[in-house]
Amino acid sequence: MNELELMNIVDHGKLNNFLEKVQRTYDQRITYHNDLHGADVMQFAGYLMLRCNLIDILHLDKLDCMSLIIAAIAHDLGHDGFNNNYHVNAITRRAIDSNDNSVQETYHAVQLF
């Protein structure tokens, strides 16, 4: 965030509180989709913007960059550690709520390749 010069567009206290809340919200019992994974994805988003010229390619402004960083760190909040097929086969509330549509479409698309 320093290299992207984003620290001057945010309230440092609010950002710190937000990041602490994100960290606490990730389930530490989940072995992959946890806070460390969120931090890895955030770091990679920063790498893409700074080292792969993503800012210029996509014409990103500071708000775009901050939005990408926030989306990256929080992208798996609430992940339960199970994949879509598990939810469909176990007939979980998540599968019922989504009516298995996104799961089935993804599964069939993968089978085509």
PDB file of N, CA and C in Angstrom:
ATOM      1  N   MET A   1       0.825  -1.191   0.000  1.00  0.00           N
ATOM      2  CA  MET A   1       0.000   0.000   0.000  1.00  0.00           C
ATOM      3  C   MET A   1       0.865   1.250   0.000  1.00  0.00           C
ATOM      4  N   ASN A   2       2.034   1.161   0.635  1.00  0.00           N
ATOM      5  CA  ASN A   2       2.938   2.310   0.609  1.00  0.00           C
ATOM      6  C   ASN A   2       3.452   2.562  -0.802  1.00  0.00           C
ATOM      7  N   GLU A   3       3.897   1.498  -1.470  1.00  0.00           N
ATOM      8  CA  GLU A   3       4.413   1.661  -2.830  1.00  0.00           C
ATOM      9  C   GLU A   3       3.347   2.179  -3.788  1.00  0.00           C
ATOM     10  N   LEU A   4       2.101   1.801  -3.538  1.00  0.00           N
ATOM     11  CA  LEU A   4       0.995   2.264  -4.377  1.00  0.00           C
ATOM     12  C   LEU A   4       0.525   3.656  -3.981  1.00  0.00           C
ATOM     13  N   GLU A   5       1.126   4.207  -2.936  1.00  0.00           N
ATOM     14  CA  GLU A   5       0.783   5.528  -2.416  1.00  0.00           C
ATOM     15  C   GLU A   5      -0.698   5.618  -2.018  1.00  0.00           C
ATOM     16  N   LEU A   6      -1.146   4.562  -1.352  1.00  0.00           N
ATOM     17  CA  LEU A   6      -2.553   4.504  -0.939  1.00  0.00           C
ATOM     18  C   LEU A   6      -2.750   4.942   0.511  1.00  0.00           C
ATOM     19  N   MET A   7      -1.684   5.002   1.270  1.00  0.00           N
ATOM     20  CA  MET A   7      -1.830   5.325   2.684  1.00  0.00           C
ATOM     21  C   MET A   7      -2.283   6.763   2.911  1.00  0.00           C
ATOM     22  N   ASN A   8      -2.097   7.629   1.917  1.00  0.00           N
ATOM     23  CA  ASN A   8      -2.522   9.017   2.094  1.00  0.00           C
ATOM     24  C   ASN A   8      -3.986   9.239   1.702  1.00  0.00           C
ATOM     25  N   ILE A   9      -4.682   8.187   1.272  1.00  0.00           N
ATOM     26  CA  ILE A   9      -6.101   8.349   0.928  1.00  0.00           C
ATOM     27  C   ILE A   9      -7.022   7.646   1.917  1.00  0.00           C
ATOM     28  N   VAL A  10      -6.434   7.070   2.977  1.00  0.00           N
ATOM     29  CA  VAL A  10      -7.248   6.356   3.958  1.00  0.00           C
ATOM     30  C   VAL A  10      -6.971   6.875   5.361  1.00  0.00           C
ATOM     31  N   ASP A  11      -7.929   6.683   6.224  1.00  0.00           N
ATOM     32  CA  ASP A  11      -7.754   6.939   7.644  1.00  0.00           C
ATOM     33  C   ASP A  11      -7.027   5.724   8.227  1.00  0.00           C
ATOM     34  N   HIS A  12      -5.828   5.920   8.744  1.00  0.00           N
ATOM     35  CA  HIS A  12      -4.999   4.803   9.196  1.00  0.00           C
ATOM     36  C   HIS A  12      -5.662   4.007  10.317  1.00  0.00           C
ATOM     37  N   GLY A  13      -6.331   4.685  11.228  1.00  0.00           N
ATOM     38  CA  GLY A  13      -7.013   3.996  12.320  1.00  0.00           C
ATOM     39  C   GLY A  13      -8.149   3.119  11.817  1.00  0.00           C
ATOM     40  N   LYS A  14      -8.945   3.668  10.899  1.00  0.00           N
ATOM     41  CA  LYS A  14     -10.054   2.886  10.337  1.00  0.00           C
ATOM     42  C   LYS A  14      -9.542   1.709   9.524  1.00  0.00           C
ATOM     43  N   LEU A  15      -8.473   1.926   8.768  1.00  0.00           N
ATOM     44  CA  LEU A  15      -7.895   0.831   7.987  1.00  0.00           C
ATOM     45  C   LEU A  15      -7.381  -0.262   8.906  1.00  0.00           C
ATOM     46  N   ASN A  16      -6.692   0.109   9.969  1.00  0.00           N
ATOM     47  CA  ASN A  16      -6.182  -0.871  10.919  1.00  0.00           C
ATOM     48  C   ASN A  16      -7.328  -1.651  11.560  1.00  0.00           C
ATOM     49  N   ASN A  17      -8.377  -0.952  11.976  1.00  0.00           N
ATOM     50  CA  ASN A  17      -9.544  -1.632  12.560  1.00  0.00           C
ATOM     51  C   ASN A  17     -10.178  -2.590  11.558  1.00  0.00           C
ATOM     52  N   PHE A  18     -10.292  -2.145  10.312  1.00  0.00           N
ATOM     53  CA  PHE A  18     -10.878  -2.990   9.274  1.00  0.00           C
ATOM     54  C   PHE A  18     -10.046  -4.255   9.061  1.00  0.00           C
ATOM     55  N   LEU A  19      -8.732  -4.089   8.923  1.00  0.00           N
ATOM     56  CA  LEU A  19      -7.867  -5.244   8.677  1.00  0.00           C
ATOM     57  C   LEU A  19      -7.861  -6.212   9.858  1.00  0.00           C
ATOM     58  N   GLU A  20      -7.917  -5.688  11.072  1.00  0.00           N
ATOM     59  CA  GLU A  20      -8.013  -6.560  12.244  1.00  0.00           C
ATOM     60  C   GLU A  20      -9.322  -7.333  12.239  1.00  0.00           C
ATOM     61  N   LYS A  21     -10.415  -6.667  11.860  1.00  0.00           N
ATOM     62  CA  LYS A  21     -11.720  -7.333  11.778  1.00  0.00           C
ATOM     63  C   LYS A  21     -11.703  -8.420  10.705  1.00  0.00           C
ATOM     64  N   VAL A  22     -11.087  -8.123   9.566  1.00  0.00           N
ATOM     65  CA  VAL A  22     -10.967  -9.134   8.504  1.00  0.00           C
ATOM     66  C   VAL A  22     -10.213 -10.345   9.040  1.00  0.00           C
ATOM     67  N   GLN A  23      -9.088 -10.114   9.692  1.00  0.00           N
ATOM     68  CA  GLN A  23      -8.292 -11.226  10.217  1.00  0.00           C
ATOM     69  C   GLN A  23      -9.094 -12.058  11.210  1.00  0.00           C
ATOM     70  N   ARG A  24      -9.828 -11.406  12.099  1.00  0.00           N
ATOM     71  CA  ARG A  24     -10.630 -12.133  13.090  1.00  0.00           C
ATOM     72  C   ARG A  24     -11.799 -12.880  12.452  1.00  0.00           C
ATOM     73  N   THR A  25     -12.278 -12.381  11.315  1.00  0.00           N
ATOM     74  CA  THR A  25     -13.443 -12.982  10.682  1.00  0.00           C
ATOM     75  C   THR A  25     -13.089 -14.270   9.932  1.00  0.00           C
ATOM     76  N   TYR A  26     -11.864 -14.347   9.426  1.00  0.00           N
ATOM     77  CA  TYR A  26     -11.442 -15.607   8.801  1.00  0.00           C
ATOM     78  C   TYR A  26     -11.408 -16.692   9.861  1.00  0.00           C
ATOM     79  N   ASP A  27     -11.871 -17.881   9.506  1.00  0.00           N
ATOM     80  CA  ASP A  27     -11.882 -19.012  10.429  1.00  0.00           C
ATOM     81  C   ASP A  27     -10.489 -19.634  10.473  1.00  0.00           C
ATOM     82  N   GLN A  28      -9.831 -19.544  11.604  1.00  0.00           N
ATOM     83  CA  GLN A  28      -8.459 -20.043  11.738  1.00  0.00           C
ATOM     84  C   GLN A  28      -8.372 -21.564  11.669  1.00  0.00           C
ATOM     85  N   ARG A  29      -9.498 -22.252  11.796  1.00  0.00           N
ATOM     86  CA  ARG A  29      -9.485 -23.717  11.704  1.00  0.00           C
ATOM     87  C   ARG A  29      -9.407 -24.192  10.262  1.00  0.00           C
ATOM     88  N   ILE A  30      -9.741 -23.320   9.319  1.00  0.00           N
ATOM     89  CA  ILE A  30      -9.686 -23.668   7.905  1.00  0.00           C
ATOM     90  C   ILE A  30      -8.217 -23.666   7.476  1.00  0.00           C
ATOM     91  N   THR A  31      -7.775 -24.741   6.857  1.00  0.00           N
ATOM     92  CA  THR A  31      -6.348 -24.882   6.577  1.00  0.00           C
ATOM     93  C   THR A  31      -5.881 -24.094   5.358  1.00  0.00           C
ATOM     94  N   TYR A  32      -6.741 -23.749   4.434  1.00  0.00           N
ATOM     95  CA  TYR A  32      -6.284 -23.015   3.258  1.00  0.00           C
ATOM     96  C   TYR A  32      -6.949 -21.651   3.108  1.00  0.00           C
ATOM     97  N   HIS A  33      -8.267 -21.589   3.094  1.00  0.00           N
ATOM     98  CA  HIS A  33      -8.985 -20.334   2.863  1.00  0.00           C
ATOM     99  C   HIS A  33      -9.084 -19.543   4.169  1.00  0.00           C
ATOM    100  N   ASN A  34      -7.934 -19.147   4.687  1.00  0.00           N
ATOM    101  CA  ASN A  34      -7.861 -18.444   5.969  1.00  0.00           C
ATOM    102  C   ASN A  34      -7.221 -17.071   5.776  1.00  0.00           C
ATOM    103  N   ASP A  35      -6.887 -16.404   6.870  1.00  0.00           N
ATOM    104  CA  ASP A  35      -6.328 -15.054   6.788  1.00  0.00           C
ATOM    105  C   ASP A  35      -4.982 -15.012   6.061  1.00  0.00           C
ATOM    106  N   LEU A  36      -4.180 -16.054   6.193  1.00  0.00           N
ATOM    107  CA  LEU A  36      -2.898 -16.082   5.492  1.00  0.00           C
ATOM    108  C   LEU A  36      -3.114 -16.140   3.977  1.00  0.00           C
ATOM    109  N   HIS A  37      -4.082 -16.921   3.545  1.00  0.00           N
ATOM    110  CA  HIS A  37      -4.420 -16.986   2.123  1.00  0.00           C
ATOM    111  C   HIS A  37      -4.899 -15.615   1.638  1.00  0.00           C
ATOM    112  N   GLY A  38      -5.732 -14.949   2.431  1.00  0.00           N
ATOM    113  CA  GLY A  38      -6.183 -13.602   2.070  1.00  0.00           C
ATOM    114  C   GLY A  38      -5.010 -12.642   1.924  1.00  0.00           C
ATOM    115  N   ALA A  39      -4.051 -12.732   2.831  1.00  0.00           N
ATOM    116  CA  ALA A  39      -2.865 -11.882   2.759  1.00  0.00           C
ATOM    117  C   ALA A  39      -2.023 -12.220   1.525  1.00  0.00           C
ATOM    118  N   ASP A  40      -1.911 -13.507   1.199  1.00  0.00           N
ATOM    119  CA  ASP A  40      -1.176 -13.917  -0.005  1.00  0.00           C
ATOM    120  C   ASP A  40      -1.809 -13.340  -1.264  1.00  0.00           C
ATOM    121  N   VAL A  41      -3.131 -13.425  -1.353  1.00  0.00           N
ATOM    122  CA  VAL A  41      -3.839 -12.910  -2.529  1.00  0.00           C
ATOM    123  C   VAL A  41      -3.693 -11.390  -2.600  1.00  0.00           C
ATOM    124  N   MET A  42      -3.752 -10.724  -1.450  1.00  0.00           N
ATOM    125  CA  MET A  42      -3.558  -9.278  -1.422  1.00  0.00           C
ATOM    126  C   MET A  42      -2.149  -8.914  -1.909  1.00  0.00           C
ATOM    127  N   GLN A  43      -1.154  -9.650  -1.433  1.00  0.00           N
ATOM    128  CA  GLN A  43       0.228  -9.402  -1.847  1.00  0.00           C
ATOM    129  C   GLN A  43       0.375  -9.612  -3.356  1.00  0.00           C
ATOM    130  N   PHE A  44      -0.258 -10.646  -3.887  1.00  0.00           N
ATOM    131  CA  PHE A  44      -0.163 -10.913  -5.325  1.00  0.00           C
ATOM    132  C   PHE A  44      -0.870  -9.820  -6.130  1.00  0.00           C
ATOM    133  N   ALA A  45      -1.984  -9.328  -5.625  1.00  0.00           N
ATOM    134  CA  ALA A  45      -2.671  -8.216  -6.302  1.00  0.00           C
ATOM    135  C   ALA A  45      -1.754  -7.000  -6.367  1.00  0.00           C
ATOM    136  N   GLY A  46      -1.066  -6.715  -5.275  1.00  0.00           N
ATOM    137  CA  GLY A  46      -0.106  -5.616  -5.271  1.00  0.00           C
ATOM    138  C   GLY A  46       1.024  -5.857  -6.251  1.00  0.00           C
ATOM    139  N   TYR A  47       1.510  -7.074  -6.300  1.00  0.00           N
ATOM    140  CA  TYR A  47       2.569  -7.436  -7.243  1.00  0.00           C
ATOM    141  C   TYR A  47       2.111  -7.204  -8.683  1.00  0.00           C
ATOM    142  N   LEU A  48       0.906  -7.650  -8.997  1.00  0.00           N
ATOM    143  CA  LEU A  48       0.387  -7.454 -10.356  1.00  0.00           C
ATOM    144  C   LEU A  48       0.288  -5.974 -10.715  1.00  0.00           C
ATOM    145  N   MET A  49      -0.163  -5.183  -9.761  1.00  0.00           N
ATOM    146  CA  MET A  49      -0.298  -3.758 -10.040  1.00  0.00           C
ATOM    147  C   MET A  49       1.058  -3.083 -10.214  1.00  0.00           C
ATOM    148  N   LEU A  50       2.017  -3.437  -9.353  1.00  0.00           N
ATOM    149  CA  LEU A  50       3.307  -2.744  -9.359  1.00  0.00           C
ATOM    150  C   LEU A  50       4.323  -3.315 -10.345  1.00  0.00           C
ATOM    151  N   ARG A  51       4.407  -4.613 -10.422  1.00  0.00           N
ATOM    152  CA  ARG A  51       5.476  -5.230 -11.210  1.00  0.00           C
ATOM    153  C   ARG A  51       5.027  -5.701 -12.590  1.00  0.00           C
ATOM    154  N   CYS A  52       3.737  -5.867 -12.775  1.00  0.00           N
ATOM    155  CA  CYS A  52       3.231  -6.359 -14.069  1.00  0.00           C
ATOM    156  C   CYS A  52       2.482  -5.276 -14.837  1.00  0.00           C
ATOM    157  N   ASN A  53       2.619  -4.052 -14.368  1.00  0.00           N
ATOM    158  CA  ASN A  53       2.069  -2.889 -15.073  1.00  0.00           C
ATOM    159  C   ASN A  53       0.538  -2.891 -15.173  1.00  0.00           C
ATOM    160  N   LEU A  54      -0.132  -3.564 -14.244  1.00  0.00           N
ATOM    161  CA  LEU A  54      -1.592  -3.647 -14.288  1.00  0.00           C
ATOM    162  C   LEU A  54      -2.255  -2.281 -14.156  1.00  0.00           C
ATOM    163  N   ILE A  55      -1.643  -1.384 -13.413  1.00  0.00           N
ATOM    164  CA  ILE A  55      -2.208  -0.039 -13.230  1.00  0.00           C
ATOM    165  C   ILE A  55      -2.321   0.678 -14.568  1.00  0.00           C
ATOM    166  N   ASP A  56      -1.256   0.624 -15.353  1.00  0.00           N
ATOM    167  CA  ASP A  56      -1.278   1.297 -16.662  1.00  0.00           C
ATOM    168  C   ASP A  56      -2.142   0.552 -17.665  1.00  0.00           C
ATOM    169  N   ILE A  57      -2.057  -0.766 -17.661  1.00  0.00           N
ATOM    170  CA  ILE A  57      -2.826  -1.561 -18.623  1.00  0.00           C
ATOM    171  C   ILE A  57      -4.327  -1.326 -18.453  1.00  0.00           C
ATOM    172  N   LEU A  58      -4.784  -1.294 -17.185  1.00  0.00           N
ATOM    173  CA  LEU A  58      -6.217  -1.135 -16.906  1.00  0.00           C
ATOM    174  C   LEU A  58      -6.610   0.295 -16.568  1.00  0.00           C
ATOM    175  N   HIS A  59      -5.646   1.225 -16.590  1.00  0.00           N
ATOM    176  CA  HIS A  59      -5.904   2.634 -16.275  1.00  0.00           C
ATOM    177  C   HIS A  59      -6.545   2.776 -14.893  1.00  0.00           C
ATOM    178  N   LEU A  60      -5.905   2.162 -13.889  1.00  0.00           N
ATOM    179  CA  LEU A  60      -6.432   2.181 -12.526  1.00  0.00           C
ATOM    180  C   LEU A  60      -6.042   3.465 -11.821  1.00  0.00           C
ATOM    181  N   ASP A  61      -7.007   4.042 -11.105  1.00  0.00           N
ATOM    182  CA  ASP A  61      -6.683   5.173 -10.246  1.00  0.00           C
ATOM    183  C   ASP A  61      -6.482   4.647  -8.818  1.00  0.00           C
ATOM    184  N   LYS A  62      -6.220   5.528  -7.878  1.00  0.00           N
ATOM    185  CA  LYS A  62      -5.943   5.109  -6.502  1.00  0.00           C
ATOM    186  C   LYS A  62      -7.130   4.380  -5.862  1.00  0.00           C
ATOM    187  N   LEU A  63      -8.342   4.837  -6.156  1.00  0.00           N
ATOM    188  CA  LEU A  63      -9.520   4.157  -5.609  1.00  0.00           C
ATOM    189  C   LEU A  63      -9.643   2.745  -6.185  1.00  0.00           C
ATOM    190  N   ASP A  64      -9.354   2.586  -7.463  1.00  0.00           N
ATOM    191  CA  ASP A  64      -9.370   1.250  -8.071  1.00  0.00           C
ATOM    192  C   ASP A  64      -8.347   0.342  -7.387  1.00  0.00           C
ATOM    193  N   CYS A  65      -7.158   0.866  -7.175  1.00  0.00           N
ATOM    194  CA  CYS A  65      -6.097   0.085  -6.536  1.00  0.00           C
ATOM    195  C   CYS A  65      -6.485  -0.313  -5.118  1.00  0.00           C
ATOM    196  N   MET A  66      -7.035   0.630  -4.364  1.00  0.00           N
ATOM    197  CA  MET A  66      -7.458   0.325  -2.998  1.00  0.00           C
ATOM    198  C   MET A  66      -8.584  -0.714  -3.014  1.00  0.00           C
ATOM    199  N   SER A  67      -9.504  -0.579  -3.945  1.00  0.00           N
ATOM    200  CA  SER A  67     -10.608  -1.536  -4.056  1.00  0.00           C
ATOM    201  C   SER A  67     -10.093  -2.936  -4.353  1.00  0.00           C
ATOM    202  N   LEU A  68      -9.097  -3.042  -5.229  1.00  0.00           N
ATOM    203  CA  LEU A  68      -8.518  -4.343  -5.551  1.00  0.00           C
ATOM    204  C   LEU A  68      -7.820  -4.950  -4.339  1.00  0.00           C
ATOM    205  N   ILE A  69      -7.101  -4.130  -3.597  1.00  0.00           N
ATOM    206  CA  ILE A  69      -6.426  -4.607  -2.385  1.00  0.00           C
ATOM    207  C   ILE A  69      -7.446  -5.116  -1.362  1.00  0.00           C
ATOM    208  N   ILE A  70      -8.498  -4.352  -1.136  1.00  0.00           N
ATOM    209  CA  ILE A  70      -9.527  -4.740  -0.158  1.00  0.00           C
ATOM    210  C   ILE A  70     -10.251  -6.005  -0.627  1.00  0.00           C
ATOM    211  N   ALA A  71     -10.597  -6.070  -1.903  1.00  0.00           N
ATOM    212  CA  ALA A  71     -11.271  -7.261  -2.435  1.00  0.00           C
ATOM    213  C   ALA A  71     -10.380  -8.493  -2.275  1.00  0.00           C
ATOM    214  N   ALA A  72      -9.092  -8.319  -2.512  1.00  0.00           N
ATOM    215  CA  ALA A  72      -8.167  -9.446  -2.414  1.00  0.00           C
ATOM    216  C   ALA A  72      -8.068  -9.969  -0.985  1.00  0.00           C
ATOM    217  N   ILE A  73      -7.943  -9.072  -0.021  1.00  0.00           N
ATOM    218  CA  ILE A  73      -7.761  -9.512   1.371  1.00  0.00           C
ATOM    219  C   ILE A  73      -9.029 -10.165   1.919  1.00  0.00           C
ATOM    220  N   ALA A  74     -10.181  -9.743   1.424  1.00  0.00           N
ATOM    221  CA  ALA A  74     -11.453 -10.216   1.995  1.00  0.00           C
ATOM    222  C   ALA A  74     -12.179 -11.229   1.113  1.00  0.00           C
ATOM    223  N   HIS A  75     -11.568 -11.669   0.031  1.00  0.00           N
ATOM    224  CA  HIS A  75     -12.298 -12.469  -0.958  1.00  0.00           C
ATOM    225  C   HIS A  75     -12.814 -13.808  -0.436  1.00  0.00           C
ATOM    226  N   ASP A  76     -12.231 -14.375   0.585  1.00  0.00           N
ATOM    227  CA  ASP A  76     -12.687 -15.672   1.094  1.00  0.00           C
ATOM    228  C   ASP A  76     -13.284 -15.598   2.498  1.00  0.00           C
ATOM    229  N   LEU A  77     -13.680 -14.404   2.933  1.00  0.00           N
ATOM    230  CA  LEU A  77     -14.319 -14.303   4.251  1.00  0.00           C
ATOM    231  C   LEU A  77     -15.550 -15.203   4.291  1.00  0.00           C
ATOM    232  N   GLY A  78     -15.667 -15.974   5.343  1.00  0.00           N
ATOM    233  CA  GLY A  78     -16.814 -16.852   5.483  1.00  0.00           C
ATOM    234  C   GLY A  78     -16.661 -18.189   4.789  1.00  0.00           C
ATOM    235  N   HIS A  79     -15.532 -18.428   4.135  1.00  0.00           N
ATOM    236  CA  HIS A  79     -15.325 -19.715   3.463  1.00  0.00           C
ATOM    237  C   HIS A  79     -15.297 -20.805   4.517  1.00  0.00           C
ATOM    238  N   ASP A  80     -16.011 -21.887   4.256  1.00  0.00           N
ATOM    239  CA  ASP A  80     -16.109 -22.949   5.253  1.00  0.00           C
ATOM    240  C   ASP A  80     -15.109 -24.082   5.044  1.00  0.00           C
ATOM    241  N   GLY A  81     -14.289 -23.972   4.011  1.00  0.00           N
ATOM    242  CA  GLY A  81     -13.271 -24.990   3.782  1.00  0.00           C
ATOM    243  C   GLY A  81     -13.722 -26.142   2.913  1.00  0.00           C
ATOM    244  N   PHE A  82     -14.966 -26.113   2.464  1.00  0.00           N
ATOM    245  CA  PHE A  82     -15.483 -27.190   1.614  1.00  0.00           C
ATOM    246  C   PHE A  82     -15.756 -26.663   0.213  1.00  0.00           C
ATOM    247  N   ASN A  83     -15.602 -27.544  -0.789  1.00  0.00           N
ATOM    248  CA  ASN A  83     -15.857 -27.111  -2.163  1.00  0.00           C
ATOM    249  C   ASN A  83     -17.327 -27.311  -2.545  1.00  0.00           C
ATOM    250  N   ASN A  84     -17.671 -26.866  -3.732  1.00  0.00           N
ATOM    251  CA  ASN A  84     -19.065 -26.915  -4.182  1.00  0.00           C
ATOM    252  C   ASN A  84     -19.601 -28.340  -4.258  1.00  0.00           C
ATOM    253  N   ASN A  85     -18.798 -29.274  -4.753  1.00  0.00           N
ATOM    254  CA  ASN A  85     -19.277 -30.652  -4.863  1.00  0.00           C
ATOM    255  C   ASN A  85     -19.630 -31.231  -3.501  1.00  0.00           C
ATOM    256  N   TYR A  86     -18.845 -30.905  -2.491  1.00  0.00           N
ATOM    257  CA  TYR A  86     -19.161 -31.353  -1.148  1.00  0.00           C
ATOM    258  C   TYR A  86     -20.547 -30.858  -0.739  1.00  0.00           C
ATOM    259  N   HIS A  87     -20.797 -29.576  -0.955  1.00  0.00           N
ATOM    260  CA  HIS A  87     -22.075 -28.997  -0.549  1.00  0.00           C
ATOM    261  C   HIS A  87     -23.243 -29.637  -1.286  1.00  0.00           C
ATOM    262  N   VAL A  88     -23.081 -29.913  -2.560  1.00  0.00           N
ATOM    263  CA  VAL A  88     -24.155 -30.560  -3.334  1.00  0.00           C
ATOM    264  C   VAL A  88     -24.394 -31.970  -2.806  1.00  0.00           C
ATOM    265  N   ASN A  89     -23.332 -32.733  -2.638  1.00  0.00           N
ATOM    266  CA  ASN A  89     -23.476 -34.124  -2.192  1.00  0.00           C
ATOM    267  C   ASN A  89     -23.981 -34.238  -0.763  1.00  0.00           C
ATOM    268  N   ALA A  90     -23.621 -33.281   0.078  1.00  0.00           N
ATOM    269  CA  ALA A  90     -24.060 -33.296   1.472  1.00  0.00           C
ATOM    270  C   ALA A  90     -25.411 -32.611   1.658  1.00  0.00           C
ATOM    271  N   ILE A  91     -25.939 -32.053   0.576  1.00  0.00           N
ATOM    272  CA  ILE A  91     -27.220 -31.342   0.592  1.00  0.00           C
ATOM    273  C   ILE A  91     -27.226 -30.302   1.720  1.00  0.00           C
ATOM    274  N   THR A  92     -26.210 -29.469   1.707  1.00  0.00           N
ATOM    275  CA  THR A  92     -26.091 -28.445   2.747  1.00  0.00           C
ATOM    276  C   THR A  92     -27.006 -27.263   2.436  1.00  0.00           C
ATOM    277  N   ARG A  93     -27.192 -26.418   3.416  1.00  0.00           N
ATOM    278  CA  ARG A  93     -28.007 -25.204   3.254  1.00  0.00           C
ATOM    279  C   ARG A  93     -27.460 -24.342   2.120  1.00  0.00           C
ATOM    280  N   ARG A  94     -26.124 -24.265   2.006  1.00  0.00           N
ATOM    281  CA  ARG A  94     -25.503 -23.464   0.946  1.00  0.00           C
ATOM    282  C   ARG A  94     -25.885 -23.997  -0.438  1.00  0.00           C
ATOM    283  N   ALA A  95     -25.873 -25.302  -0.607  1.00  0.00           N
ATOM    284  CA  ALA A  95     -26.261 -25.896  -1.896  1.00  0.00           C
ATOM    285  C   ALA A  95     -27.747 -25.681  -2.165  1.00  0.00           C
ATOM    286  N   ILE A  96     -28.558 -25.818  -1.146  1.00  0.00           N
ATOM    287  CA  ILE A  96     -30.000 -25.623  -1.310  1.00  0.00           C
ATOM    288  C   ILE A  96     -30.290 -24.170  -1.669  1.00  0.00           C
ATOM    289  N   ASP A  97     -29.647 -23.231  -0.973  1.00  0.00           N
ATOM    290  CA  ASP A  97     -29.874 -21.814  -1.238  1.00  0.00           C
ATOM    291  C   ASP A  97     -29.478 -21.421  -2.655  1.00  0.00           C
ATOM    292  N   SER A  98     -28.418 -22.033  -3.184  1.00  0.00           N
ATOM    293  CA  SER A  98     -27.998 -21.697  -4.541  1.00  0.00           C
ATOM    294  C   SER A  98     -28.651 -22.607  -5.573  1.00  0.00           C
ATOM    295  N   ASN A  99     -29.480 -23.549  -5.103  1.00  0.00           N
ATOM    296  CA  ASN A  99     -30.192 -24.476  -5.971  1.00  0.00           C
ATOM    297  C   ASN A  99     -29.223 -25.253  -6.859  1.00  0.00           C
ATOM    298  N   ASP A 100     -27.980 -25.378  -6.416  1.00  0.00           N
ATOM    299  CA  ASP A 100     -26.930 -26.116  -7.112  1.00  0.00           C
ATOM    300  C   ASP A 100     -26.608 -25.570  -8.500  1.00  0.00           C
ATOM    301  N   ASN A 101     -27.202 -24.436  -8.895  1.00  0.00           N
ATOM    302  CA  ASN A 101     -27.012 -23.940 -10.257  1.00  0.00           C
ATOM    303  C   ASN A 101     -25.559 -23.622 -10.570  1.00  0.00           C
ATOM    304  N   SER A 102     -24.918 -22.791  -9.768  1.00  0.00           N
ATOM    305  CA  SER A 102     -23.548 -22.411 -10.087  1.00  0.00           C
ATOM    306  C   SER A 102     -22.625 -23.615  -9.990  1.00  0.00           C
ATOM    307  N   VAL A 103     -22.911 -24.520  -9.068  1.00  0.00           N
ATOM    308  CA  VAL A 103     -22.091 -25.712  -8.909  1.00  0.00           C
ATOM    309  C   VAL A 103     -22.191 -26.577 -10.156  1.00  0.00           C
ATOM    310  N   GLN A 104     -23.389 -26.835 -10.614  1.00  0.00           N
ATOM    311  CA  GLN A 104     -23.575 -27.699 -11.779  1.00  0.00           C
ATOM    312  C   GLN A 104     -22.986 -27.086 -13.034  1.00  0.00           C
ATOM    313  N   GLU A 105     -23.197 -25.783 -13.248  1.00  0.00           N
ATOM    314  CA  GLU A 105     -22.661 -25.128 -14.437  1.00  0.00           C
ATOM    315  C   GLU A 105     -21.145 -25.185 -14.445  1.00  0.00           C
ATOM    316  N   THR A 106     -20.521 -24.961 -13.302  1.00  0.00           N
ATOM    317  CA  THR A 106     -19.062 -25.019 -13.215  1.00  0.00           C
ATOM    318  C   THR A 106     -18.577 -26.433 -13.472  1.00  0.00           C
ATOM    319  N   TYR A 107     -19.251 -27.417 -12.896  1.00  0.00           N
ATOM    320  CA  TYR A 107     -18.847 -28.813 -13.040  1.00  0.00           C
ATOM    321  C   TYR A 107     -18.926 -29.236 -14.500  1.00  0.00           C
ATOM    322  N   HIS A 108     -20.022 -28.894 -15.181  1.00  0.00           N
ATOM    323  CA  HIS A 108     -20.179 -29.284 -16.584  1.00  0.00           C
ATOM    324  C   HIS A 108     -19.190 -28.551 -17.477  1.00  0.00           C
ATOM    325  N   ALA A 109     -18.890 -27.307 -17.168  1.00  0.00           N
ATOM    326  CA  ALA A 109     -17.922 -26.550 -17.980  1.00  0.00           C
ATOM    327  C   ALA A 109     -16.544 -27.192 -17.872  1.00  0.00           C
ATOM    328  N   VAL A 110     -16.169 -27.647 -16.686  1.00  0.00           N
ATOM    329  CA  VAL A 110     -14.868 -28.266 -16.497  1.00  0.00           C
ATOM    330  C   VAL A 110     -14.810 -29.584 -17.259  1.00  0.00           C
ATOM    331  N   GLN A 111     -15.911 -30.342 -17.292  1.00  0.00           N
ATOM    332  CA  GLN A 111     -15.915 -31.632 -17.996  1.00  0.00           C
ATOM    333  C   GLN A 111     -15.712 -31.456 -19.497  1.00  0.00           C
ATOM    334  N   LEU A 112     -16.057 -30.300 -20.046  1.00  0.00           N
ATOM    335  CA  LEU A 112     -15.910 -30.076 -21.479  1.00  0.00           C
ATOM    336  C   LEU A 112     -14.447 -30.021 -21.897  1.00  0.00           C
ATOM    337  N   PHE A 113     -13.566 -29.674 -20.981  1.00  0.00           N
ATOM    338  CA  PHE A 113     -12.149 -29.510 -21.338  1.00  0.00           C
ATOM    339  C   PHE A 113     -11.380 -30.703 -20.995  1.00  0.00           C
TER     340      PHE A 113
END
